[in-house]
PDB file of N, CA and C in Angstrom:
ATOM      1  N   UNK A   1       8.402  73.841 -34.836  1.00  0.00           N
ATOM      2  CA  UNK A   1       8.107  72.797 -33.862  1.00  0.00           C
ATOM      3  C   UNK A   1       6.592  72.671 -33.698  1.00  0.00           C
ATOM      4  N   UNK A   2       6.135  71.430 -33.651  1.00  0.00           N
ATOM      5  CA  UNK A   2       4.715  71.171 -33.451  1.00  0.00           C
ATOM      6  C   UNK A   2       4.409  71.063 -31.962  1.00  0.00           C
ATOM      7  N   UNK A   3       3.217  71.453 -31.614  1.00  0.00           N
ATOM      8  CA  UNK A   3       2.785  71.344 -30.220  1.00  0.00           C
ATOM      9  C   UNK A   3       2.429  69.903 -29.865  1.00  0.00           C
ATOM     10  N   UNK A   4       1.777  69.199 -30.813  1.00  0.00           N
ATOM     11  CA  UNK A   4       1.292  67.844 -30.521  1.00  0.00           C
ATOM     12  C   UNK A   4       1.376  66.929 -31.735  1.00  0.00           C
ATOM     13  N   UNK A   5       1.562  65.648 -31.441  1.00  0.00           N
ATOM     14  CA  UNK A   5       1.419  64.581 -32.428  1.00  0.00           C
ATOM     15  C   UNK A   5       0.294  63.691 -31.911  1.00  0.00           C
ATOM     16  N   UNK A   6      -0.758  63.560 -32.681  1.00  0.00           N
ATOM     17  CA  UNK A   6      -1.875  62.698 -32.319  1.00  0.00           C
ATOM     18  C   UNK A   6      -1.809  61.420 -33.140  1.00  0.00           C
ATOM     19  N   UNK A   7      -2.326  60.343 -32.574  1.00  0.00           N
ATOM     20  CA  UNK A   7      -2.476  59.081 -33.285  1.00  0.00           C
ATOM     21  C   UNK A   7      -3.959  58.885 -33.556  1.00  0.00           C
ATOM     22  N   UNK A   8      -4.289  58.558 -34.784  1.00  0.00           N
ATOM     23  CA  UNK A   8      -5.676  58.264 -35.124  1.00  0.00           C
ATOM     24  C   UNK A   8      -6.128  57.037 -34.340  1.00  0.00           C
ATOM     25  N   UNK A   9      -7.298  57.140 -33.718  1.00  0.00           N
ATOM     26  CA  UNK A   9      -7.923  56.020 -33.008  1.00  0.00           C
ATOM     27  C   UNK A   9      -9.326  55.875 -33.585  1.00  0.00           C
ATOM     28  N   UNK A  10      -9.669  54.669 -34.054  1.00  0.00           N
ATOM     29  CA  UNK A  10     -10.984  54.481 -34.660  1.00  0.00           C
ATOM     30  C   UNK A  10     -12.072  54.353 -33.591  1.00  0.00           C
ATOM     31  N   UNK A  11     -13.304  54.220 -34.049  1.00  0.00           N
ATOM     32  CA  UNK A  11     -14.425  54.201 -33.104  1.00  0.00           C
ATOM     33  C   UNK A  11     -14.424  52.971 -32.187  1.00  0.00           C
ATOM     34  N   UNK A  12     -13.681  51.937 -32.548  1.00  0.00           N
ATOM     35  CA  UNK A  12     -13.557  50.742 -31.701  1.00  0.00           C
ATOM     36  C   UNK A  12     -12.402  50.865 -30.711  1.00  0.00           C
ATOM     37  N   UNK A  13     -11.668  51.960 -30.784  1.00  0.00           N
ATOM     38  CA  UNK A  13     -10.536  52.152 -29.888  1.00  0.00           C
ATOM     39  C   UNK A  13      -9.218  51.614 -30.428  1.00  0.00           C
ATOM     40  N   UNK A  14      -9.208  51.165 -31.681  1.00  0.00           N
ATOM     41  CA  UNK A  14      -7.966  50.672 -32.285  1.00  0.00           C
ATOM     42  C   UNK A  14      -7.069  51.837 -32.687  1.00  0.00           C
ATOM     43  N   UNK A  15      -5.794  51.662 -32.476  1.00  0.00           N
ATOM     44  CA  UNK A  15      -4.799  52.664 -32.835  1.00  0.00           C
ATOM     45  C   UNK A  15      -3.889  52.029 -33.897  1.00  0.00           C
ATOM     46  N   UNK A  16      -4.255  52.144 -35.184  1.00  0.00           N
ATOM     47  CA  UNK A  16      -3.558  51.377 -36.220  1.00  0.00           C
ATOM     48  C   UNK A  16      -2.069  51.700 -36.364  1.00  0.00           C
ATOM     49  N   UNK A  17      -1.667  52.938 -36.177  1.00  0.00           N
ATOM     50  CA  UNK A  17      -0.248  53.272 -36.328  1.00  0.00           C
ATOM     51  C   UNK A  17       0.563  52.692 -35.178  1.00  0.00           C
ATOM     52  N   UNK A  18       0.092  52.863 -33.956  1.00  0.00           N
ATOM     53  CA  UNK A  18       0.812  52.291 -32.806  1.00  0.00           C
ATOM     54  C   UNK A  18       0.875  50.771 -32.907  1.00  0.00           C
ATOM     55  N   UNK A  19      -0.223  50.146 -33.325  1.00  0.00           N
ATOM     56  CA  UNK A  19      -0.243  48.689 -33.460  1.00  0.00           C
ATOM     57  C   UNK A  19       0.764  48.232 -34.520  1.00  0.00           C
ATOM     58  N   UNK A  20       0.835  48.946 -35.634  1.00  0.00           N
ATOM     59  CA  UNK A  20       1.798  48.626 -36.682  1.00  0.00           C
ATOM     60  C   UNK A  20       3.223  48.720 -36.142  1.00  0.00           C
ATOM     61  N   UNK A  21       3.527  49.825 -35.487  1.00  0.00           N
ATOM     62  CA  UNK A  21       4.875  50.042 -34.948  1.00  0.00           C
ATOM     63  C   UNK A  21       5.231  48.993 -33.908  1.00  0.00           C
ATOM     64  N   UNK A  22       4.310  48.698 -33.015  1.00  0.00           N
ATOM     65  CA  UNK A  22       4.580  47.740 -31.935  1.00  0.00           C
ATOM     66  C   UNK A  22       4.831  46.319 -32.442  1.00  0.00           C
ATOM     67  N   UNK A  23       4.393  46.017 -33.655  1.00  0.00           N
ATOM     68  CA  UNK A  23       4.605  44.683 -34.216  1.00  0.00           C
ATOM     69  C   UNK A  23       5.894  44.566 -35.022  1.00  0.00           C
ATOM     70  N   UNK A  24       6.689  45.610 -35.049  1.00  0.00           N
ATOM     71  CA  UNK A  24       7.962  45.597 -35.766  1.00  0.00           C
ATOM     72  C   UNK A  24       9.103  45.225 -34.829  1.00  0.00           C
ATOM     73  N   UNK A  25      10.226  44.779 -35.389  1.00  0.00           N
ATOM     74  CA  UNK A  25      11.415  44.572 -34.551  1.00  0.00           C
ATOM     75  C   UNK A  25      11.844  45.891 -33.898  1.00  0.00           C
ATOM     76  N   UNK A  26      12.495  45.788 -32.761  1.00  0.00           N
ATOM     77  CA  UNK A  26      12.860  46.958 -31.969  1.00  0.00           C
ATOM     78  C   UNK A  26      13.661  47.991 -32.766  1.00  0.00           C
ATOM     79  N   UNK A  27      14.585  47.535 -33.591  1.00  0.00           N
ATOM     80  CA  UNK A  27      15.410  48.461 -34.382  1.00  0.00           C
ATOM     81  C   UNK A  27      14.540  49.306 -35.320  1.00  0.00           C
ATOM     82  N   UNK A  28      13.548  48.684 -35.945  1.00  0.00           N
ATOM     83  CA  UNK A  28      12.650  49.409 -36.850  1.00  0.00           C
ATOM     84  C   UNK A  28      11.723  50.338 -36.068  1.00  0.00           C
ATOM     85  N   UNK A  29      11.258  49.903 -34.888  1.00  0.00           N
ATOM     86  CA  UNK A  29      10.440  50.762 -34.031  1.00  0.00           C
ATOM     87  C   UNK A  29      11.208  52.027 -33.660  1.00  0.00           C
ATOM     88  N   UNK A  30      12.468  51.837 -33.307  1.00  0.00           N
ATOM     89  CA  UNK A  30      13.306  52.959 -32.887  1.00  0.00           C
ATOM     90  C   UNK A  30      13.476  53.963 -34.023  1.00  0.00           C
ATOM     91  N   UNK A  31      13.664  53.465 -35.229  1.00  0.00           N
ATOM     92  CA  UNK A  31      13.835  54.353 -36.385  1.00  0.00           C
ATOM     93  C   UNK A  31      12.561  55.153 -36.646  1.00  0.00           C
ATOM     94  N   UNK A  32      11.423  54.485 -36.610  1.00  0.00           N
ATOM     95  CA  UNK A  32      10.156  55.189 -36.830  1.00  0.00           C
ATOM     96  C   UNK A  32       9.926  56.213 -35.729  1.00  0.00           C
ATOM     97  N   UNK A  33      10.189  55.850 -34.490  1.00  0.00           N
ATOM     98  CA  UNK A  33      10.035  56.800 -33.374  1.00  0.00           C
ATOM     99  C   UNK A  33      10.917  58.034 -33.574  1.00  0.00           C
ATOM    100  N   UNK A  34      12.138  57.836 -34.087  1.00  0.00           N
ATOM    101  CA  UNK A  34      13.040  58.962 -34.349  1.00  0.00           C
ATOM    102  C   UNK A  34      12.463  59.874 -35.437  1.00  0.00           C
ATOM    103  N   UNK A  35      11.856  59.295 -36.456  1.00  0.00           N
ATOM    104  CA  UNK A  35      11.236  60.095 -37.510  1.00  0.00           C
ATOM    105  C   UNK A  35      10.039  60.880 -36.967  1.00  0.00           C
ATOM    106  N   UNK A  36       9.248  60.250 -36.113  1.00  0.00           N
ATOM    107  CA  UNK A  36       8.103  60.944 -35.510  1.00  0.00           C
ATOM    108  C   UNK A  36       8.601  62.101 -34.646  1.00  0.00           C
ATOM    109  N   UNK A  37       9.662  61.888 -33.911  1.00  0.00           N
ATOM    110  CA  UNK A  37      10.243  62.957 -33.093  1.00  0.00           C
ATOM    111  C   UNK A  37      10.755  64.098 -33.976  1.00  0.00           C
ATOM    112  N   UNK A  38      11.349  63.740 -35.104  1.00  0.00           N
ATOM    113  CA  UNK A  38      11.835  64.766 -36.038  1.00  0.00           C
ATOM    114  C   UNK A  38      10.666  65.542 -36.645  1.00  0.00           C
ATOM    115  N   UNK A  39       9.550  64.869 -36.902  1.00  0.00           N
ATOM    116  CA  UNK A  39       8.343  65.555 -37.365  1.00  0.00           C
ATOM    117  C   UNK A  39       7.897  66.569 -36.328  1.00  0.00           C
ATOM    118  N   UNK A  40       7.912  66.160 -35.068  1.00  0.00           N
ATOM    119  CA  UNK A  40       7.508  67.091 -34.009  1.00  0.00           C
ATOM    120  C   UNK A  40       8.460  68.284 -33.942  1.00  0.00           C
ATOM    121  N   UNK A  41       9.749  68.038 -34.093  1.00  0.00           N
ATOM    122  CA  UNK A  41      10.740  69.114 -34.005  1.00  0.00           C
ATOM    123  C   UNK A  41      10.706  70.054 -35.208  1.00  0.00           C
ATOM    124  N   UNK A  42      10.568  69.502 -36.404  1.00  0.00           N
ATOM    125  CA  UNK A  42      10.643  70.334 -37.610  1.00  0.00           C
ATOM    126  C   UNK A  42       9.286  70.724 -38.186  1.00  0.00           C
ATOM    127  N   UNK A  43       8.245  69.975 -37.843  1.00  0.00           N
ATOM    128  CA  UNK A  43       6.902  70.302 -38.316  1.00  0.00           C
ATOM    129  C   UNK A  43       6.818  70.439 -39.822  1.00  0.00           C
ATOM    130  N   UNK A  44       6.269  71.567 -40.274  1.00  0.00           N
ATOM    131  CA  UNK A  44       6.053  71.827 -41.693  1.00  0.00           C
ATOM    132  C   UNK A  44       7.358  71.927 -42.484  1.00  0.00           C
ATOM    133  N   UNK A  45       8.476  72.078 -41.825  1.00  0.00           N
ATOM    134  CA  UNK A  45       9.768  72.207 -42.502  1.00  0.00           C
ATOM    135  C   UNK A  45      10.422  70.873 -42.842  1.00  0.00           C
ATOM    136  N   UNK A  46       9.862  69.770 -42.372  1.00  0.00           N
ATOM    137  CA  UNK A  46      10.444  68.453 -42.640  1.00  0.00           C
ATOM    138  C   UNK A  46      10.245  68.096 -44.112  1.00  0.00           C
ATOM    139  N   UNK A  47      11.322  67.748 -44.778  1.00  0.00           N
ATOM    140  CA  UNK A  47      11.305  67.484 -46.217  1.00  0.00           C
ATOM    141  C   UNK A  47      11.968  66.152 -46.555  1.00  0.00           C
ATOM    142  N   UNK A  48      11.990  65.845 -47.843  1.00  0.00           N
ATOM    143  CA  UNK A  48      12.693  64.674 -48.345  1.00  0.00           C
ATOM    144  C   UNK A  48      14.140  64.724 -47.921  1.00  0.00           C
ATOM    145  N   UNK A  49      14.731  63.649 -47.581  1.00  0.00           N
ATOM    146  CA  UNK A  49      14.259  62.274 -47.749  1.00  0.00           C
ATOM    147  C   UNK A  49      13.434  61.757 -46.567  1.00  0.00           C
ATOM    148  N   UNK A  50      13.275  62.543 -45.506  1.00  0.00           N
ATOM    149  CA  UNK A  50      12.557  62.041 -44.323  1.00  0.00           C
ATOM    150  C   UNK A  50      11.045  62.052 -44.495  1.00  0.00           C
ATOM    151  N   UNK A  51      10.527  63.014 -45.242  1.00  0.00           N
ATOM    152  CA  UNK A  51       9.081  63.164 -45.393  1.00  0.00           C
ATOM    153  C   UNK A  51       8.780  63.672 -46.794  1.00  0.00           C
ATOM    154  N   UNK A  52       7.518  63.518 -47.203  1.00  0.00           N
ATOM    155  CA  UNK A  52       7.115  64.009 -48.507  1.00  0.00           C
ATOM    156  C   UNK A  52       5.609  64.252 -48.501  1.00  0.00           C
ATOM    157  N   UNK A  53       5.178  65.187 -49.356  1.00  0.00           N
ATOM    158  CA  UNK A  53       3.754  65.448 -49.552  1.00  0.00           C
ATOM    159  C   UNK A  53       3.219  64.444 -50.559  1.00  0.00           C
ATOM    160  N   UNK A  54       2.046  63.872 -50.280  1.00  0.00           N
ATOM    161  CA  UNK A  54       1.442  62.907 -51.197  1.00  0.00           C
ATOM    162  C   UNK A  54       0.344  63.592 -52.022  1.00  0.00           C
ATOM    163  N   UNK A  55      -0.773  63.912 -51.365  1.00  0.00           N
ATOM    164  CA  UNK A  55      -1.877  64.625 -52.022  1.00  0.00           C
ATOM    165  C   UNK A  55      -2.979  64.899 -51.010  1.00  0.00           C
ATOM    166  N   UNK A  56      -3.808  65.884 -51.322  1.00  0.00           N
ATOM    167  CA  UNK A  56      -4.993  66.219 -50.534  1.00  0.00           C
ATOM    168  C   UNK A  56      -4.696  66.348 -49.043  1.00  0.00           C
ATOM    169  N   UNK A  57      -3.581  66.972 -48.724  1.00  0.00           N
ATOM    170  CA  UNK A  57      -3.233  67.209 -47.329  1.00  0.00           C
ATOM    171  C   UNK A  57      -2.549  66.043 -46.636  1.00  0.00           C
ATOM    172  N   UNK A  58      -2.307  64.963 -47.346  1.00  0.00           N
ATOM    173  CA  UNK A  58      -1.667  63.782 -46.758  1.00  0.00           C
ATOM    174  C   UNK A  58      -0.167  63.823 -47.038  1.00  0.00           C
ATOM    175  N   UNK A  59       0.616  63.583 -45.991  1.00  0.00           N
ATOM    176  CA  UNK A  59       2.076  63.517 -46.072  1.00  0.00           C
ATOM    177  C   UNK A  59       2.513  62.120 -45.640  1.00  0.00           C
ATOM    178  N   UNK A  60       3.788  61.811 -45.884  1.00  0.00           N
ATOM    179  CA  UNK A  60       4.331  60.541 -45.427  1.00  0.00           C
ATOM    180  C   UNK A  60       5.681  60.753 -44.762  1.00  0.00           C
ATOM    181  N   UNK A  61       5.899  60.039 -43.665  1.00  0.00           N
ATOM    182  CA  UNK A  61       7.239  59.869 -43.112  1.00  0.00           C
ATOM    183  C   UNK A  61       7.831  58.676 -43.840  1.00  0.00           C
ATOM    184  N   UNK A  62       9.155  58.696 -44.071  1.00  0.00           N
ATOM    185  CA  UNK A  62       9.767  57.696 -44.931  1.00  0.00           C
ATOM    186  C   UNK A  62      10.922  56.950 -44.259  1.00  0.00           C
ATOM    187  N   UNK A  63      10.693  56.338 -43.116  1.00  0.00           N
ATOM    188  CA  UNK A  63      11.782  55.600 -42.462  1.00  0.00           C
ATOM    189  C   UNK A  63      12.041  54.245 -43.128  1.00  0.00           C
ATOM    190  N   UNK A  64      13.076  54.172 -43.919  1.00  0.00           N
ATOM    191  CA  UNK A  64      13.427  52.911 -44.580  1.00  0.00           C
ATOM    192  C   UNK A  64      12.333  52.453 -45.515  1.00  0.00           C
ATOM    193  N   UNK A  65      11.921  51.196 -45.362  1.00  0.00           N
ATOM    194  CA  UNK A  65      10.879  50.621 -46.219  1.00  0.00           C
ATOM    195  C   UNK A  65       9.484  50.821 -45.644  1.00  0.00           C
ATOM    196  N   UNK A  66       9.358  51.644 -44.621  1.00  0.00           N
ATOM    197  CA  UNK A  66       8.060  51.898 -44.015  1.00  0.00           C
ATOM    198  C   UNK A  66       7.568  53.281 -44.404  1.00  0.00           C
ATOM    199  N   UNK A  67       6.259  53.443 -44.332  1.00  0.00           N
ATOM    200  CA  UNK A  67       5.650  54.743 -44.551  1.00  0.00           C
ATOM    201  C   UNK A  67       4.638  54.962 -43.438  1.00  0.00           C
ATOM    202  N   UNK A  68       4.696  56.149 -42.842  1.00  0.00           N
ATOM    203  CA  UNK A  68       3.725  56.558 -41.838  1.00  0.00           C
ATOM    204  C   UNK A  68       3.038  57.794 -42.401  1.00  0.00           C
ATOM    205  N   UNK A  69       1.752  57.686 -42.639  1.00  0.00           N
ATOM    206  CA  UNK A  69       0.991  58.762 -43.264  1.00  0.00           C
ATOM    207  C   UNK A  69       0.383  59.660 -42.192  1.00  0.00           C
ATOM    208  N   UNK A  70       0.372  60.951 -42.490  1.00  0.00           N
ATOM    209  CA  UNK A  70      -0.129  61.929 -41.516  1.00  0.00           C
ATOM    210  C   UNK A  70      -0.665  63.154 -42.239  1.00  0.00           C
ATOM    211  N   UNK A  71      -1.345  64.009 -41.463  1.00  0.00           N
ATOM    212  CA  UNK A  71      -1.734  65.318 -41.963  1.00  0.00           C
ATOM    213  C   UNK A  71      -1.536  66.330 -40.849  1.00  0.00           C
ATOM    214  N   UNK A  72      -1.401  67.578 -41.246  1.00  0.00           N
ATOM    215  CA  UNK A  72      -1.266  68.643 -40.269  1.00  0.00           C
ATOM    216  C   UNK A  72      -2.651  69.082 -39.845  1.00  0.00           C
ATOM    217  N   UNK A  73      -2.828  69.201 -38.535  1.00  0.00           N
ATOM    218  CA  UNK A  73      -4.109  69.571 -37.966  1.00  0.00           C
ATOM    219  C   UNK A  73      -3.939  70.923 -37.311  1.00  0.00           C
ATOM    220  N   UNK A  74      -4.711  71.876 -37.789  1.00  0.00           N
ATOM    221  CA  UNK A  74      -4.448  73.268 -37.468  1.00  0.00           C
ATOM    222  C   UNK A  74      -2.997  73.528 -37.839  1.00  0.00           C
ATOM    223  N   UNK A  75      -2.342  74.439 -37.293  1.00  0.00           N
ATOM    224  CA  UNK A  75      -0.973  74.715 -37.719  1.00  0.00           C
ATOM    225  C   UNK A  75       0.050  74.046 -36.811  1.00  0.00           C
ATOM    226  N   UNK A  76      -0.359  73.651 -35.609  1.00  0.00           N
ATOM    227  CA  UNK A  76       0.637  73.219 -34.638  1.00  0.00           C
ATOM    228  C   UNK A  76       0.585  71.746 -34.263  1.00  0.00           C
ATOM    229  N   UNK A  77      -0.187  70.958 -34.994  1.00  0.00           N
ATOM    230  CA  UNK A  77      -0.298  69.531 -34.661  1.00  0.00           C
ATOM    231  C   UNK A  77      -0.268  68.682 -35.928  1.00  0.00           C
ATOM    232  N   UNK A  78       0.057  67.409 -35.740  1.00  0.00           N
ATOM    233  CA  UNK A  78      -0.021  66.430 -36.826  1.00  0.00           C
ATOM    234  C   UNK A  78      -0.753  65.206 -36.300  1.00  0.00           C
ATOM    235  N   UNK A  79      -1.448  64.522 -37.192  1.00  0.00           N
ATOM    236  CA  UNK A  79      -2.187  63.309 -36.847  1.00  0.00           C
ATOM    237  C   UNK A  79      -1.639  62.167 -37.690  1.00  0.00           C
ATOM    238  N   UNK A  80      -1.144  61.129 -37.017  1.00  0.00           N
ATOM    239  CA  UNK A  80      -0.640  59.927 -37.698  1.00  0.00           C
ATOM    240  C   UNK A  80      -1.834  59.030 -38.012  1.00  0.00           C
ATOM    241  N   UNK A  81      -2.038  58.743 -39.280  1.00  0.00           N
ATOM    242  CA  UNK A  81      -3.253  58.062 -39.734  1.00  0.00           C
ATOM    243  C   UNK A  81      -3.099  56.583 -40.035  1.00  0.00           C
ATOM    244  N   UNK A  82      -1.960  56.219 -40.627  1.00  0.00           N
ATOM    245  CA  UNK A  82      -1.844  54.872 -41.198  1.00  0.00           C
ATOM    246  C   UNK A  82      -0.363  54.584 -41.394  1.00  0.00           C
ATOM    247  N   UNK A  83       0.015  53.317 -41.367  1.00  0.00           N
ATOM    248  CA  UNK A  83       1.412  52.936 -41.589  1.00  0.00           C
ATOM    249  C   UNK A  83       1.453  51.639 -42.388  1.00  0.00           C
ATOM    250  N   UNK A  84       2.451  51.552 -43.267  1.00  0.00           N
ATOM    251  CA  UNK A  84       2.612  50.358 -44.100  1.00  0.00           C
ATOM    252  C   UNK A  84       4.091  50.053 -44.284  1.00  0.00           C
ATOM    253  N   UNK A  85       4.350  48.836 -44.687  1.00  0.00           N
ATOM    254  CA  UNK A  85       5.676  48.474 -45.197  1.00  0.00           C
ATOM    255  C   UNK A  85       5.563  48.617 -46.703  1.00  0.00           C
ATOM    256  N   UNK A  86       6.357  49.492 -47.272  1.00  0.00           N
ATOM    257  CA  UNK A  86       6.280  49.786 -48.697  1.00  0.00           C
ATOM    258  C   UNK A  86       7.018  48.716 -49.493  1.00  0.00           C
ATOM    259  N   UNK A  87       6.304  48.101 -50.451  1.00  0.00           N
ATOM    260  CA  UNK A  87       6.874  47.005 -51.230  1.00  0.00           C
ATOM    261  C   UNK A  87       7.089  47.383 -52.691  1.00  0.00           C
ATOM    262  N   UNK A  88       6.481  48.471 -53.135  1.00  0.00           N
ATOM    263  CA  UNK A  88       6.627  48.921 -54.527  1.00  0.00           C
ATOM    264  C   UNK A  88       6.932  50.416 -54.524  1.00  0.00           C
ATOM    265  N   UNK A  89       7.268  50.933 -55.704  1.00  0.00           N
ATOM    266  CA  UNK A  89       7.554  52.366 -55.806  1.00  0.00           C
ATOM    267  C   UNK A  89       6.317  53.222 -55.556  1.00  0.00           C
ATOM    268  N   UNK A  90       5.179  52.757 -56.011  1.00  0.00           N
ATOM    269  CA  UNK A  90       3.934  53.506 -55.836  1.00  0.00           C
ATOM    270  C   UNK A  90       3.236  53.092 -54.549  1.00  0.00           C
ATOM    271  N   UNK A  91       2.626  54.068 -53.919  1.00  0.00           N
ATOM    272  CA  UNK A  91       1.811  53.781 -52.733  1.00  0.00           C
ATOM    273  C   UNK A  91       0.455  53.277 -53.225  1.00  0.00           C
ATOM    274  N   UNK A  92       0.003  52.124 -52.738  1.00  0.00           N
ATOM    275  CA  UNK A  92      -1.292  51.591 -53.186  1.00  0.00           C
ATOM    276  C   UNK A  92      -2.431  52.586 -52.957  1.00  0.00           C
ATOM    277  N   UNK A  93      -3.297  52.721 -53.944  1.00  0.00           N
ATOM    278  CA  UNK A  93      -4.393  53.694 -53.853  1.00  0.00           C
ATOM    279  C   UNK A  93      -5.342  53.384 -52.700  1.00  0.00           C
ATOM    280  N   UNK A  94      -5.494  52.094 -52.359  1.00  0.00           N
ATOM    281  CA  UNK A  94      -6.389  51.767 -51.238  1.00  0.00           C
ATOM    282  C   UNK A  94      -5.822  52.294 -49.914  1.00  0.00           C
ATOM    283  N   UNK A  95      -4.493  52.355 -49.784  1.00  0.00           N
ATOM    284  CA  UNK A  95      -3.897  52.923 -48.570  1.00  0.00           C
ATOM    285  C   UNK A  95      -4.119  54.434 -48.511  1.00  0.00           C
ATOM    286  N   UNK A  96      -3.991  55.103 -49.644  1.00  0.00           N
ATOM    287  CA  UNK A  96      -4.245  56.550 -49.674  1.00  0.00           C
ATOM    288  C   UNK A  96      -5.714  56.856 -49.415  1.00  0.00           C
ATOM    289  N   UNK A  97      -6.600  56.048 -49.985  1.00  0.00           N
ATOM    290  CA  UNK A  97      -8.034  56.231 -49.738  1.00  0.00           C
ATOM    291  C   UNK A  97      -8.348  56.062 -48.253  1.00  0.00           C
ATOM    292  N   UNK A  98      -7.723  55.078 -47.621  1.00  0.00           N
ATOM    293  CA  UNK A  98      -7.920  54.861 -46.187  1.00  0.00           C
ATOM    294  C   UNK A  98      -7.443  56.072 -45.386  1.00  0.00           C
ATOM    295  N   UNK A  99      -6.312  56.641 -45.782  1.00  0.00           N
ATOM    296  CA  UNK A  99      -5.801  57.840 -45.096  1.00  0.00           C
ATOM    297  C   UNK A  99      -6.791  58.998 -45.199  1.00  0.00           C
ATOM    298  N   UNK A 100      -7.329  59.211 -46.386  1.00  0.00           N
ATOM    299  CA  UNK A 100      -8.293  60.302 -46.582  1.00  0.00           C
ATOM    300  C   UNK A 100      -9.563  60.064 -45.771  1.00  0.00           C
ATOM    301  N   UNK A 101     -10.004  58.826 -45.718  1.00  0.00           N
ATOM    302  CA  UNK A 101     -11.194  58.477 -44.921  1.00  0.00           C
ATOM    303  C   UNK A 101     -10.935  58.754 -43.430  1.00  0.00           C
ATOM    304  N   UNK A 102      -9.772  58.329 -42.942  1.00  0.00           N
ATOM    305  CA  UNK A 102      -9.446  58.545 -41.530  1.00  0.00           C
ATOM    306  C   UNK A 102      -9.271  60.026 -41.219  1.00  0.00           C
ATOM    307  N   UNK A 103      -8.714  60.781 -42.150  1.00  0.00           N
ATOM    308  CA  UNK A 103      -8.545  62.223 -41.967  1.00  0.00           C
ATOM    309  C   UNK A 103      -9.910  62.878 -41.774  1.00  0.00           C
ATOM    310  N   UNK A 104     -10.853  62.555 -42.657  1.00  0.00           N
ATOM    311  CA  UNK A 104     -12.206  63.116 -42.544  1.00  0.00           C
ATOM    312  C   UNK A 104     -12.869  62.692 -41.240  1.00  0.00           C
ATOM    313  N   UNK A 105     -12.691  61.433 -40.874  1.00  0.00           N
ATOM    314  CA  UNK A 105     -13.284  60.925 -39.628  1.00  0.00           C
ATOM    315  C   UNK A 105     -12.707  61.658 -38.413  1.00  0.00           C
ATOM    316  N   UNK A 106     -11.388  61.845 -38.400  1.00  0.00           N
ATOM    317  CA  UNK A 106     -10.756  62.556 -37.283  1.00  0.00           C
ATOM    318  C   UNK A 106     -11.276  63.984 -37.195  1.00  0.00           C
ATOM    319  N   UNK A 107     -11.320  64.679 -38.326  1.00  0.00           N
ATOM    320  CA  UNK A 107     -11.775  66.073 -38.322  1.00  0.00           C
ATOM    321  C   UNK A 107     -13.225  66.175 -37.877  1.00  0.00           C
ATOM    322  N   UNK A 108     -14.054  65.228 -38.326  1.00  0.00           N
ATOM    323  CA  UNK A 108     -15.464  65.221 -37.937  1.00  0.00           C
ATOM    324  C   UNK A 108     -15.621  64.989 -36.431  1.00  0.00           C
ATOM    325  N   UNK A 109     -14.918  63.986 -35.910  1.00  0.00           N
ATOM    326  CA  UNK A 109     -15.010  63.701 -34.473  1.00  0.00           C
ATOM    327  C   UNK A 109     -14.461  64.853 -33.646  1.00  0.00           C
ATOM    328  N   UNK A 110     -13.410  65.503 -34.127  1.00  0.00           N
ATOM    329  CA  UNK A 110     -12.853  66.640 -33.425  1.00  0.00           C
ATOM    330  C   UNK A 110     -13.883  67.769 -33.333  1.00  0.00           C
ATOM    331  N   UNK A 111     -14.577  68.029 -34.446  1.00  0.00           N
ATOM    332  CA  UNK A 111     -15.590  69.081 -34.462  1.00  0.00           C
ATOM    333  C   UNK A 111     -16.737  68.755 -33.514  1.00  0.00           C
ATOM    334  N   UNK A 112     -17.165  67.485 -33.493  1.00  0.00           N
ATOM    335  CA  UNK A 112     -18.238  67.081 -32.583  1.00  0.00           C
ATOM    336  C   UNK A 112     -17.808  67.267 -31.129  1.00  0.00           C
ATOM    337  N   UNK A 113     -16.602  66.828 -30.794  1.00  0.00           N
ATOM    338  CA  UNK A 113     -16.111  66.968 -29.425  1.00  0.00           C
ATOM    339  C   UNK A 113     -15.948  68.425 -29.039  1.00  0.00           C
ATOM    340  N   UNK A 114     -15.567  69.257 -29.985  1.00  0.00           N
ATOM    341  CA  UNK A 114     -15.413  70.684 -29.728  1.00  0.00           C
ATOM    342  C   UNK A 114     -16.762  71.312 -29.402  1.00  0.00           C
ATOM    343  N   UNK A 115     -17.807  70.870 -30.108  1.00  0.00           N
ATOM    344  CA  UNK A 115     -19.154  71.395 -29.856  1.00  0.00           C
ATOM    345  C   UNK A 115     -19.672  70.971 -28.484  1.00  0.00           C
ATOM    346  N   UNK A 116     -19.310  69.772 -28.056  1.00  0.00           N
ATOM    347  CA  UNK A 116     -19.772  69.249 -26.766  1.00  0.00           C
ATOM    348  C   UNK A 116     -19.119  69.946 -25.585  1.00  0.00           C
ATOM    349  N   UNK A 117     -17.942  70.559 -25.781  1.00  0.00           N
ATOM    350  CA  UNK A 117     -17.248  71.155 -24.632  1.00  0.00           C
ATOM    351  C   UNK A 117     -17.628  72.593 -24.406  1.00  0.00           C
TER     352      UNK A 117
END
């Protein structure tokens, strides 16, 4: 079980995963929320078909035709970075690059905030 699920928020205050989810029909929102809850409950033990490892510390939740990308932060938390509607078998490289960029940004901001406290 994870202690926390964080949502990536950019420097402008945008929350891309929440915004993506909120723009979906209620049935799809509910399914994604259930997958996020299962991530919190199972943590590192969550496997296919619900989740999968992509690369460089990036994982994906796999609710239907959607993908929610995340990484584990320390051992007890996960950070939701990006979400897409998957249209092909392969995940577009620009989406993975964005996830890696957001991961680095989150870790950097976390370290800065830790130093300030």
